[in-house]
């Protein structure tokens, strides 16, 4: 099984460029999977023009290696505006 990580991603795009953002807690194998999971949850409120900044914020996020094997990749919790 691949190593999984717990990501705490703080992504906020300041006004006036946007008022979108939030905090995501994600279990993923790597940064790319974390990005894909967050983008897949986008219900249209999160503008695609901010996806590059999202990638940067994933790279800067608090990331913790998980000891438990067999965890599914998922968004554990999110708070977005």
Protein backbone atom coordinates (compact mmCIF):
# COMPACT_ATOMS: atom_id res chain seq x y z
CA UNK A 1 0.00 0.00 0.00
CA UNK A 2 1.17 3.51 -0.78
CA UNK A 3 1.97 5.89 2.03
CA UNK A 4 -0.90 8.31 2.71
CA UNK A 5 -0.65 11.81 4.11
CA UNK A 6 -3.03 14.10 5.96
CA UNK A 7 -3.04 17.56 4.37
CA UNK A 8 -4.33 20.72 6.07
CA UNK A 9 -4.74 23.05 3.09
CA UNK A 10 -5.50 26.70 3.77
CA UNK A 11 -6.49 28.29 0.49
CA UNK A 12 -7.81 31.82 0.41
CA UNK A 13 -7.83 34.27 -2.48
CA UNK A 14 -8.09 37.78 -1.00
CA UNK A 15 -10.63 40.39 -2.04
CA UNK A 16 -10.92 42.09 -4.55
CA UNK A 17 -9.49 39.32 -6.76
CA UNK A 18 -11.86 36.84 -5.19
CA UNK A 19 -13.74 36.02 -2.03
CA UNK A 20 -13.30 32.29 -2.53
CA UNK A 21 -11.31 30.04 -0.34
CA UNK A 22 -11.37 27.80 2.64
CA UNK A 23 -9.73 25.09 4.61
CA UNK A 24 -9.57 21.47 3.49
CA UNK A 25 -8.45 18.43 5.49
CA UNK A 26 -7.53 15.77 2.95
CA UNK A 27 -6.09 12.25 2.99
CA UNK A 28 -4.04 11.72 -0.17
CA UNK A 29 -0.99 9.86 -1.46
CA UNK A 30 0.68 13.00 -2.83
CA UNK A 31 0.21 16.68 -3.72
CA UNK A 32 -1.33 15.89 -7.11
CA UNK A 33 -3.96 13.58 -5.66
CA UNK A 34 -4.76 16.17 -3.00
CA UNK A 35 -5.28 18.78 -5.73
CA UNK A 36 -7.48 16.43 -7.77
CA UNK A 37 -9.67 15.62 -4.76
CA UNK A 38 -10.23 19.29 -3.92
CA UNK A 39 -10.93 20.24 -7.54
CA UNK A 40 -13.39 17.33 -7.86
CA UNK A 41 -15.37 18.80 -4.94
CA UNK A 42 -15.60 22.18 -6.68
CA UNK A 43 -19.29 22.87 -7.15
CA UNK A 44 -18.69 25.91 -9.32
CA UNK A 45 -18.06 28.35 -6.49
CA UNK A 46 -14.31 28.06 -6.79
CA UNK A 47 -13.07 29.76 -9.93
CA UNK A 48 -10.63 27.74 -12.05
CA UNK A 49 -8.40 30.80 -12.45
CA UNK A 50 -7.30 30.24 -8.83
CA UNK A 51 -6.25 26.62 -9.31
CA UNK A 52 -2.55 27.60 -9.70
CA UNK A 53 -2.65 29.30 -6.30
CA UNK A 54 -4.34 26.19 -4.91
CA UNK A 55 -1.39 24.08 -6.09
CA UNK A 56 1.02 26.48 -4.35
CA UNK A 57 -1.01 26.30 -1.14
CA UNK A 58 -1.05 22.50 -1.23
CA UNK A 59 2.76 22.54 -1.51
CA UNK A 60 2.92 24.88 1.52
CA UNK A 61 0.29 23.03 3.57
CA UNK A 62 0.85 21.21 6.81
CA UNK A 63 1.32 17.57 5.80
CA UNK A 64 1.50 14.61 8.16
CA UNK A 65 2.42 11.02 7.31
CA UNK A 66 -0.30 8.61 8.44
CA UNK A 67 0.71 5.42 10.22
CA UNK A 68 -2.46 3.49 9.40
CA UNK A 69 -2.46 1.41 6.22
CA UNK A 70 -5.42 0.96 3.91
CA UNK A 71 -6.94 4.43 4.26
CA UNK A 72 -8.95 5.68 1.31
CA UNK A 73 -8.02 9.00 -0.21
CA UNK A 74 -10.74 11.54 0.53
CA UNK A 75 -11.63 14.98 1.75
CA UNK A 76 -12.16 14.47 5.47
CA UNK A 77 -13.64 17.91 6.14
CA UNK A 78 -13.86 21.27 4.43
CA UNK A 79 -14.96 24.78 5.24
CA UNK A 80 -15.26 27.06 2.24
CA UNK A 81 -16.73 30.42 1.39
